[in-house]
């Protein structure tokens, strides 16, 4: 279609072959190839990875000769050329020797990318601006503005999209995003309020395990034009998430799906921290947490609520039944009711949920 019989490995650095390479990229520009098609075609010609990125880390796109397209940035050893737009184009041969026409390819790729980004219908790294994603998920924008923002992000209104709300140290959140990139999810990202927003197109990875210290709320999947709803649900789910640690912990839930919350989503959507005051059960839980080994007692209570019985809780915690019974008995004495009875489990579960919401005031 674009003369893909052209290969750098078969070209010498002479005038005739330079003209062929220039004509190749001019043809792509004339046909108004989209950015993804442009990079994929360049990767086939170069027979190696090529990419485009900005200098601020907000946008990256990489294509491989096999057709893979993701959001990886240039690695160590890549040949990089700065475009007049301020972006960088690059190619990487993975340590192999550079070819004579590599510089020419980067020059023409940079020019072609500038032309492509200058078109009004082209998704642009300049428009990989986080403000675009913030507009997409905000309720203040009308449908036309949201649709335009989606288009500039390279998305269609009917694209399947899931919003993630993520909390944690920046370097850990970056590592989580890189893992999504490697899985093919390639999220669009922005920081909105105190949370990192990530828009995932297509199916989520089967193993959504964040690094220690990172919590994730997963919104519902739907059309990209309905992103505000998915984002709000992701924030509500995030309020229930608890950070993982270096050790296995049966009570930790670093990833919470909004679809699993049921009526608890309503609480996260309506209650702020200031609304959750003066609840006697929560005050008792706070007092337990301050005692020596109090966190172990709270962890046991959380697992009892999840498991529904002391024996199953002991199995999940890898503790003897008597150890869990002693911790629960200590809590029951302070709470004033039997945790192991159905009404007690329901009451305790609600108190634990409200305590978590009080400590994570993340309403959109």
Foldseek 3Di string as FASTA:
>chain_A
DLPLVAALVPDDPDPVNLVVLLSSLVVCLVVLPAPLVLQQSLQSRDQFKKWKAAPVPQFIWIYHPVGDIFTDDDDPPWDWDAAPVRMIMTTDPPPDDDGPCRVSSRVSSSVSLVSNQPDLQYQDNVLLPLVLVVQLQDPVDDLVSNQSSCSNNVHHQFFKKKKKWKAFPPVQVVVLQVVQRVVVQRWSWDCDDRTIITIGTDDGDPDNDGPFGMAMFIFDIGGSSNNNRNNQLRLLQRLQAAGDDPDDALLHHRYGYSVPCPCSSVCSQPDALVNPPDDQLLVLLVVLCPDVCSVVLVSLLSLCLVQLALVVSCVSRVHDSVVSVVSQVVSCVSNVDRCNDPVNSVVSVVSVSSNSRNVRRRGD
